[in-house]
Amino acid sequence: RAAKEGISCEVIDLQTIIPWDVDAVEASVKKTGRMIVTHEAPSTNGFGAEIGQKIQERCFLHLEAPIQRVCGWDTHFPYAFEEVYLPSVARLQDAIRKTM
């Protein structure tokens, strides 16, 4: 959907978080100047915060926009409202726009 707005995105799907491929993420951020981290866990204390911190440390002068996180909400996981709780296409599109 971002492509319809003339925005191209590079996606890195980390297969593991211990260890995680910090070099691949760093190379992507240095190339694009932007980063969005998304995962299903709550935003607070989620692993996305660790990724964001490490990339901020390594790529500060290359970032053209603040790092965005699209995560679950900081609440108990509501099984009945899973589609509202989990990151959605609309929330990702909003984060993409914010970084542009």
N, C-alpha and C. Protein backbone atom coordinates (compact mmCIF):
# COMPACT_ATOMS: atom_id res chain seq x y z
N ARG A 1 0.81 -1.20 0.00
CA ARG A 1 0.00 0.00 0.00
C ARG A 1 0.85 1.25 0.00
N ALA A 2 2.00 1.21 0.62
CA ALA A 2 2.88 2.38 0.62
C ALA A 2 3.36 2.67 -0.80
N ALA A 3 3.50 1.62 -1.60
CA ALA A 3 3.94 1.80 -2.98
C ALA A 3 2.96 2.65 -3.77
N LYS A 4 1.67 2.59 -3.45
CA LYS A 4 0.68 3.42 -4.13
C LYS A 4 0.93 4.90 -3.87
N GLU A 5 1.60 5.21 -2.76
CA GLU A 5 1.93 6.59 -2.42
C GLU A 5 3.35 6.94 -2.85
N GLY A 6 3.98 6.05 -3.62
CA GLY A 6 5.33 6.29 -4.10
C GLY A 6 6.41 6.05 -3.06
N ILE A 7 6.10 5.25 -2.04
CA ILE A 7 7.05 4.96 -0.97
C ILE A 7 7.50 3.51 -1.09
N SER A 8 8.80 3.29 -1.18
CA SER A 8 9.29 1.92 -1.20
C SER A 8 9.84 1.58 0.19
N CYS A 9 9.64 0.36 0.61
CA CYS A 9 10.05 -0.08 1.94
C CYS A 9 10.96 -1.29 1.82
N GLU A 10 11.90 -1.37 2.73
CA GLU A 10 12.77 -2.53 2.83
C GLU A 10 12.36 -3.27 4.09
N VAL A 11 12.08 -4.56 3.98
CA VAL A 11 11.61 -5.35 5.12
C VAL A 11 12.69 -6.35 5.52
N ILE A 12 13.00 -6.37 6.80
CA ILE A 12 13.92 -7.36 7.35
C ILE A 12 13.14 -8.16 8.39
N ASP A 13 12.99 -9.43 8.16
CA ASP A 13 12.28 -10.31 9.08
C ASP A 13 13.32 -11.06 9.91
N LEU A 14 13.51 -10.61 11.15
CA LEU A 14 14.47 -11.28 12.02
C LEU A 14 13.95 -12.67 12.36
N GLN A 15 14.73 -13.67 12.06
CA GLN A 15 14.32 -15.04 12.34
C GLN A 15 14.58 -15.42 13.79
N THR A 16 15.53 -14.73 14.41
CA THR A 16 15.82 -14.96 15.83
C THR A 16 16.07 -13.60 16.49
N ILE A 17 15.86 -13.52 17.79
CA ILE A 17 16.19 -12.29 18.49
C ILE A 17 17.42 -12.45 19.39
N ILE A 18 17.84 -13.67 19.61
CA ILE A 18 19.09 -13.93 20.33
C ILE A 18 19.83 -14.99 19.56
N PRO A 19 20.82 -14.73 18.78
CA PRO A 19 21.28 -13.40 18.40
C PRO A 19 20.42 -12.83 17.29
N TRP A 20 20.39 -11.51 17.18
CA TRP A 20 19.69 -10.88 16.06
C TRP A 20 20.70 -10.23 15.14
N ASP A 21 20.35 -10.11 13.88
CA ASP A 21 21.28 -9.65 12.84
C ASP A 21 21.37 -8.13 12.84
N VAL A 22 22.08 -7.60 13.82
CA VAL A 22 22.22 -6.16 13.95
C VAL A 22 22.91 -5.54 12.73
N ASP A 23 23.83 -6.28 12.11
CA ASP A 23 24.54 -5.74 10.96
C ASP A 23 23.62 -5.53 9.76
N ALA A 24 22.69 -6.45 9.54
CA ALA A 24 21.74 -6.31 8.43
C ALA A 24 20.81 -5.13 8.66
N VAL A 25 20.34 -4.97 9.90
CA VAL A 25 19.46 -3.86 10.22
C VAL A 25 20.23 -2.54 10.10
N GLU A 26 21.43 -2.52 10.60
CA GLU A 26 22.27 -1.32 10.51
C GLU A 26 22.50 -0.92 9.06
N ALA A 27 22.82 -1.87 8.20
CA ALA A 27 23.04 -1.58 6.79
C ALA A 27 21.78 -1.00 6.15
N SER A 28 20.63 -1.54 6.49
CA SER A 28 19.37 -1.04 5.94
C SER A 28 19.09 0.39 6.40
N VAL A 29 19.31 0.67 7.67
CA VAL A 29 19.06 2.01 8.20
C VAL A 29 20.02 3.02 7.59
N LYS A 30 21.27 2.62 7.41
CA LYS A 30 22.23 3.53 6.77
C LYS A 30 21.86 3.80 5.32
N LYS A 31 21.23 2.82 4.68
CA LYS A 31 20.79 2.97 3.29
C LYS A 31 19.54 3.85 3.18
N THR A 32 18.57 3.63 4.08
CA THR A 32 17.27 4.30 3.97
C THR A 32 17.12 5.53 4.86
N GLY A 33 17.85 5.56 5.97
CA GLY A 33 17.75 6.66 6.91
C GLY A 33 16.54 6.57 7.84
N ARG A 34 15.85 5.44 7.80
CA ARG A 34 14.63 5.30 8.59
C ARG A 34 14.50 3.87 9.13
N MET A 35 13.68 3.74 10.20
CA MET A 35 13.44 2.41 10.73
C MET A 35 12.10 2.37 11.46
N ILE A 36 11.36 1.32 11.20
CA ILE A 36 10.13 1.02 11.92
C ILE A 36 10.29 -0.40 12.46
N VAL A 37 10.05 -0.56 13.75
CA VAL A 37 10.12 -1.88 14.38
C VAL A 37 8.69 -2.30 14.70
N THR A 38 8.33 -3.50 14.33
CA THR A 38 6.99 -3.99 14.65
C THR A 38 7.08 -5.39 15.25
N HIS A 39 6.28 -5.61 16.26
CA HIS A 39 6.16 -6.94 16.87
C HIS A 39 4.86 -6.98 17.64
N GLU A 40 4.45 -8.18 18.02
CA GLU A 40 3.14 -8.37 18.65
C GLU A 40 3.14 -8.11 20.16
N ALA A 41 4.30 -8.10 20.78
CA ALA A 41 4.37 -7.88 22.23
C ALA A 41 4.03 -6.42 22.55
N PRO A 42 3.73 -6.13 23.82
CA PRO A 42 3.48 -4.74 24.19
C PRO A 42 4.69 -3.87 23.89
N SER A 43 4.43 -2.60 23.68
CA SER A 43 5.50 -1.66 23.36
C SER A 43 6.50 -1.53 24.50
N THR A 44 6.00 -1.39 25.72
CA THR A 44 6.88 -1.24 26.88
C THR A 44 7.59 -2.55 27.17
N ASN A 45 8.89 -2.49 27.28
CA ASN A 45 9.75 -3.64 27.57
C ASN A 45 9.78 -4.68 26.46
N GLY A 46 9.28 -4.35 25.29
CA GLY A 46 9.35 -5.27 24.16
C GLY A 46 10.75 -5.28 23.56
N PHE A 47 11.07 -6.30 22.81
CA PHE A 47 12.40 -6.41 22.22
C PHE A 47 12.64 -5.32 21.18
N GLY A 48 11.57 -4.74 20.65
CA GLY A 48 11.71 -3.64 19.70
C GLY A 48 12.45 -2.45 20.31
N ALA A 49 12.30 -2.24 21.61
CA ALA A 49 13.01 -1.16 22.28
C ALA A 49 14.52 -1.41 22.25
N GLU A 50 14.93 -2.65 22.44
CA GLU A 50 16.35 -3.00 22.37
C GLU A 50 16.89 -2.78 20.96
N ILE A 51 16.12 -3.20 19.97
CA ILE A 51 16.54 -3.00 18.58
C ILE A 51 16.67 -1.51 18.29
N GLY A 52 15.68 -0.74 18.68
CA GLY A 52 15.71 0.71 18.45
C GLY A 52 16.90 1.37 19.12
N GLN A 53 17.19 0.98 20.35
CA GLN A 53 18.31 1.57 21.08
C GLN A 53 19.63 1.26 20.41
N LYS A 54 19.81 0.01 20.02
CA LYS A 54 21.08 -0.40 19.40
C LYS A 54 21.28 0.31 18.06
N ILE A 55 20.21 0.45 17.28
CA ILE A 55 20.33 1.13 15.99
C ILE A 55 20.53 2.63 16.19
N GLN A 56 19.87 3.21 17.17
CA GLN A 56 20.08 4.63 17.49
C GLN A 56 21.55 4.86 17.84
N GLU A 57 22.12 3.95 18.61
CA GLU A 57 23.52 4.04 19.02
C GLU A 57 24.46 3.95 17.81
N ARG A 58 24.16 3.04 16.89
CA ARG A 58 25.05 2.80 15.75
C ARG A 58 24.80 3.72 14.55
N CYS A 59 23.58 4.22 14.42
CA CYS A 59 23.21 4.93 13.18
C CYS A 59 22.67 6.34 13.42
N PHE A 60 22.94 6.93 14.56
CA PHE A 60 22.33 8.22 14.91
C PHE A 60 22.48 9.25 13.80
N LEU A 61 23.65 9.40 13.24
CA LEU A 61 23.88 10.43 12.22
C LEU A 61 23.28 10.08 10.86
N HIS A 62 22.81 8.85 10.70
CA HIS A 62 22.20 8.43 9.44
C HIS A 62 20.67 8.51 9.47
N LEU A 63 20.10 8.62 10.66
CA LEU A 63 18.63 8.64 10.78
C LEU A 63 18.07 9.98 10.32
N GLU A 64 17.07 9.91 9.44
CA GLU A 64 16.40 11.11 8.94
C GLU A 64 15.05 11.34 9.61
N ALA A 65 14.65 10.41 10.46
CA ALA A 65 13.37 10.52 11.18
C ALA A 65 13.49 9.68 12.45
N PRO A 66 12.69 9.99 13.46
CA PRO A 66 12.71 9.17 14.68
C PRO A 66 12.31 7.72 14.38
N ILE A 67 12.91 6.80 15.10
CA ILE A 67 12.54 5.39 14.97
C ILE A 67 11.11 5.23 15.46
N GLN A 68 10.30 4.51 14.69
CA GLN A 68 8.91 4.26 15.05
C GLN A 68 8.76 2.81 15.50
N ARG A 69 7.87 2.60 16.48
CA ARG A 69 7.53 1.24 16.91
C ARG A 69 6.03 1.03 16.73
N VAL A 70 5.68 -0.08 16.09
CA VAL A 70 4.28 -0.47 15.92
C VAL A 70 4.17 -1.82 16.61
N CYS A 71 3.57 -1.80 17.79
CA CYS A 71 3.55 -2.99 18.64
C CYS A 71 2.15 -3.22 19.19
N GLY A 72 2.04 -4.24 20.02
CA GLY A 72 0.81 -4.42 20.76
C GLY A 72 0.66 -3.28 21.76
N TRP A 73 -0.54 -3.09 22.24
CA TRP A 73 -0.80 -2.03 23.22
C TRP A 73 -0.31 -2.46 24.60
N ASP A 74 -0.05 -1.51 25.45
CA ASP A 74 0.41 -1.79 26.81
C ASP A 74 -0.78 -2.17 27.71
N THR A 75 -1.28 -3.34 27.47
CA THR A 75 -2.41 -3.86 28.24
C THR A 75 -2.37 -5.38 28.17
N HIS A 76 -3.22 -6.03 28.92
CA HIS A 76 -3.31 -7.48 28.82
C HIS A 76 -3.78 -7.85 27.42
N PHE A 77 -3.32 -8.99 26.94
CA PHE A 77 -3.70 -9.43 25.60
C PHE A 77 -5.17 -9.83 25.59
N PRO A 78 -5.99 -9.11 24.85
CA PRO A 78 -7.44 -9.42 24.82
C PRO A 78 -7.76 -10.39 23.68
N TYR A 79 -7.88 -11.66 23.98
CA TYR A 79 -8.11 -12.66 22.94
C TYR A 79 -9.34 -12.34 22.10
N ALA A 80 -10.37 -11.78 22.70
CA ALA A 80 -11.59 -11.47 21.96
C ALA A 80 -11.38 -10.32 20.98
N PHE A 81 -10.38 -9.46 21.24
CA PHE A 81 -10.13 -8.30 20.39
C PHE A 81 -8.73 -8.35 19.78
N GLU A 82 -8.30 -9.54 19.43
CA GLU A 82 -6.96 -9.74 18.90
C GLU A 82 -6.66 -8.84 17.71
N GLU A 83 -7.61 -8.70 16.80
CA GLU A 83 -7.35 -7.90 15.60
C GLU A 83 -7.16 -6.41 15.91
N VAL A 84 -7.69 -5.94 17.02
CA VAL A 84 -7.51 -4.54 17.44
C VAL A 84 -6.18 -4.38 18.16
N TYR A 85 -5.78 -5.39 18.90
CA TYR A 85 -4.57 -5.33 19.72
C TYR A 85 -3.30 -5.43 18.88
N LEU A 86 -3.27 -6.35 17.94
CA LEU A 86 -2.05 -6.62 17.18
C LEU A 86 -1.76 -5.51 16.17
N PRO A 87 -0.48 -5.34 15.79
CA PRO A 87 -0.15 -4.35 14.77
C PRO A 87 -0.95 -4.62 13.49
N SER A 88 -1.43 -3.55 12.89
CA SER A 88 -2.26 -3.70 11.68
C SER A 88 -1.61 -2.96 10.52
N VAL A 89 -2.13 -3.23 9.34
CA VAL A 89 -1.66 -2.55 8.14
C VAL A 89 -1.86 -1.04 8.29
N ALA A 90 -2.98 -0.64 8.82
CA ALA A 90 -3.26 0.80 8.98
C ALA A 90 -2.26 1.45 9.93
N ARG A 91 -1.94 0.78 11.02
CA ARG A 91 -0.96 1.34 11.96
C ARG A 91 0.43 1.39 11.36
N LEU A 92 0.77 0.37 10.56
CA LEU A 92 2.07 0.39 9.88
C LEU A 92 2.13 1.50 8.85
N GLN A 93 1.07 1.69 8.09
CA GLN A 93 1.04 2.77 7.10
C GLN A 93 1.19 4.13 7.78
N ASP A 94 0.55 4.30 8.92
CA ASP A 94 0.67 5.55 9.65
C ASP A 94 2.11 5.78 10.09
N ALA A 95 2.78 4.75 10.58
CA ALA A 95 4.18 4.86 10.98
C ALA A 95 5.07 5.18 9.79
N ILE A 96 4.79 4.56 8.65
CA ILE A 96 5.57 4.85 7.44
C ILE A 96 5.43 6.32 7.08
N ARG A 97 4.21 6.84 7.10
CA ARG A 97 4.00 8.25 6.78
C ARG A 97 4.73 9.16 7.75
N LYS A 98 4.75 8.80 9.03
CA LYS A 98 5.43 9.62 10.04
C LYS A 98 6.92 9.70 9.79
N THR A 99 7.51 8.64 9.24
CA THR A 99 8.94 8.66 8.99
C THR A 99 9.30 9.39 7.71
N MET A 100 8.34 9.65 6.90
CA MET A 100 8.62 10.36 5.64
C MET A 100 8.56 11.84 5.90
